[in-house]
Amino acid sequence: MTTKEIRIEGMNCNHCAMAVKRELSKIPGLRVMDVRVGSASLEYDEVAVTPEKIRKAVEEAGYALHG
């Protein structure tokens, strides 16, 4: 399992964090450890979860990955 902190652009409230958490939680093989305004801590299986899946989930929530 890989642990990673991602930075997310466009979030400004707890509602934003909940929307991101909801979308990330839909990804099989990924565990959302924490979501705060501007970032999320994740633990995932690198075989099952690609950076592209994470990016798409964040975008589906209406935000963008930083960097």
C-alpha atoms as a PDB file:
ATOM      1  CA  MET A   1       0.000   0.000   0.000  1.00  0.00           C
ATOM      2  CA  THR A   2       1.118   3.511  -0.820  1.00  0.00           C
ATOM      3  CA  THR A   3       0.358   6.535   1.327  1.00  0.00           C
ATOM      4  CA  LYS A   4       0.189   9.885  -0.429  1.00  0.00           C
ATOM      5  CA  GLU A   5      -0.862  13.454   0.322  1.00  0.00           C
ATOM      6  CA  ILE A   6      -2.388  15.235  -2.673  1.00  0.00           C
ATOM      7  CA  ARG A   7      -2.943  18.980  -3.002  1.00  0.00           C
ATOM      8  CA  ILE A   8      -6.270  20.074  -4.437  1.00  0.00           C
ATOM      9  CA  GLU A   9      -7.060  23.463  -5.976  1.00  0.00           C
ATOM     10  CA  GLY A  10     -10.378  25.278  -5.685  1.00  0.00           C
ATOM     11  CA  MET A  11     -11.573  23.949  -2.341  1.00  0.00           C
ATOM     12  CA  ASN A  12     -12.646  26.569   0.196  1.00  0.00           C
ATOM     13  CA  CYS A  13     -14.999  24.923   2.725  1.00  0.00           C
ATOM     14  CA  ASN A  14     -15.924  21.659   4.429  1.00  0.00           C
ATOM     15  CA  HIS A  15     -18.622  21.028   1.812  1.00  0.00           C
ATOM     16  CA  CYS A  16     -15.841  20.998  -0.791  1.00  0.00           C
ATOM     17  CA  ALA A  17     -13.872  18.489   1.280  1.00  0.00           C
ATOM     18  CA  MET A  18     -16.918  16.247   1.648  1.00  0.00           C
ATOM     19  CA  ALA A  19     -17.539  16.314  -2.129  1.00  0.00           C
ATOM     20  CA  VAL A  20     -13.931  15.278  -2.822  1.00  0.00           C
ATOM     21  CA  LYS A  21     -14.054  12.557  -0.169  1.00  0.00           C
ATOM     22  CA  ARG A  22     -17.278  11.171  -1.643  1.00  0.00           C
ATOM     23  CA  GLU A  23     -15.760  10.879  -5.141  1.00  0.00           C
ATOM     24  CA  LEU A  24     -12.433   9.445  -3.963  1.00  0.00           C
ATOM     25  CA  SER A  25     -14.261   6.867  -1.830  1.00  0.00           C
ATOM     26  CA  LYS A  26     -15.796   5.407  -4.990  1.00  0.00           C
ATOM     27  CA  ILE A  27     -12.388   4.161  -6.197  1.00  0.00           C
ATOM     28  CA  PRO A  28     -11.837   0.463  -5.393  1.00  0.00           C
ATOM     29  CA  GLY A  29      -8.500  -0.134  -3.681  1.00  0.00           C
ATOM     30  CA  LEU A  30      -8.248   3.406  -2.295  1.00  0.00           C
ATOM     31  CA  ARG A  31      -8.795   4.437   1.329  1.00  0.00           C
ATOM     32  CA  VAL A  32      -9.371   8.096   2.119  1.00  0.00           C
ATOM     33  CA  MET A  33      -7.562   8.754   5.383  1.00  0.00           C
ATOM     34  CA  ASP A  34      -8.345  12.488   5.627  1.00  0.00           C
ATOM     35  CA  VAL A  35      -9.638  15.322   3.471  1.00  0.00           C
ATOM     36  CA  ARG A  36      -9.112  18.954   4.424  1.00  0.00           C
ATOM     37  CA  VAL A  37      -9.606  22.154   2.485  1.00  0.00           C
ATOM     38  CA  GLY A  38      -6.828  22.024  -0.111  1.00  0.00           C
ATOM     39  CA  SER A  39      -5.540  18.485   0.442  1.00  0.00           C
ATOM     40  CA  ALA A  40      -6.289  14.827   0.985  1.00  0.00           C
ATOM     41  CA  SER A  41      -4.356  11.944   2.550  1.00  0.00           C
ATOM     42  CA  LEU A  42      -4.804   8.666   0.736  1.00  0.00           C
ATOM     43  CA  GLU A  43      -3.711   5.069   1.072  1.00  0.00           C
ATOM     44  CA  TYR A  44      -4.006   2.859  -1.983  1.00  0.00           C
ATOM     45  CA  ASP A  45      -2.827  -0.170  -3.898  1.00  0.00           C
ATOM     46  CA  GLU A  46      -0.671   1.101  -6.788  1.00  0.00           C
ATOM     47  CA  VAL A  47      -1.692  -1.873  -8.925  1.00  0.00           C
ATOM     48  CA  ALA A  48      -5.419  -1.084  -8.646  1.00  0.00           C
ATOM     49  CA  VAL A  49      -5.314   2.716  -8.385  1.00  0.00           C
ATOM     50  CA  THR A  50      -3.593   4.956 -10.915  1.00  0.00           C
ATOM     51  CA  PRO A  51      -2.867   8.680 -10.591  1.00  0.00           C
ATOM     52  CA  GLU A  52      -5.308   9.160 -13.478  1.00  0.00           C
ATOM     53  CA  LYS A  53      -8.160   7.593 -11.458  1.00  0.00           C
ATOM     54  CA  ILE A  54      -7.390   9.915  -8.558  1.00  0.00           C
ATOM     55  CA  ARG A  55      -7.270  12.954 -10.860  1.00  0.00           C
ATOM     56  CA  LYS A  56     -10.583  12.033 -12.502  1.00  0.00           C
ATOM     57  CA  ALA A  57     -12.308  11.588  -9.131  1.00  0.00           C
ATOM     58  CA  VAL A  58     -11.092  15.009  -7.949  1.00  0.00           C
ATOM     59  CA  GLU A  59     -12.256  16.579 -11.216  1.00  0.00           C
ATOM     60  CA  GLU A  60     -15.628  14.811 -10.931  1.00  0.00           C
ATOM     61  CA  ALA A  61     -16.049  16.573  -7.587  1.00  0.00           C
ATOM     62  CA  GLY A  62     -15.386  19.890  -9.353  1.00  0.00           C
ATOM     63  CA  TYR A  63     -11.786  20.553  -8.368  1.00  0.00           C
ATOM     64  CA  ALA A  64      -8.260  20.062  -9.750  1.00  0.00           C
ATOM     65  CA  LEU A  65      -5.067  18.447  -8.515  1.00  0.00           C
ATOM     66  CA  HIS A  66      -2.278  20.898  -7.800  1.00  0.00           C
ATOM     67  CA  GLY A  67       0.813  20.156  -9.827  1.00  0.00           C
END
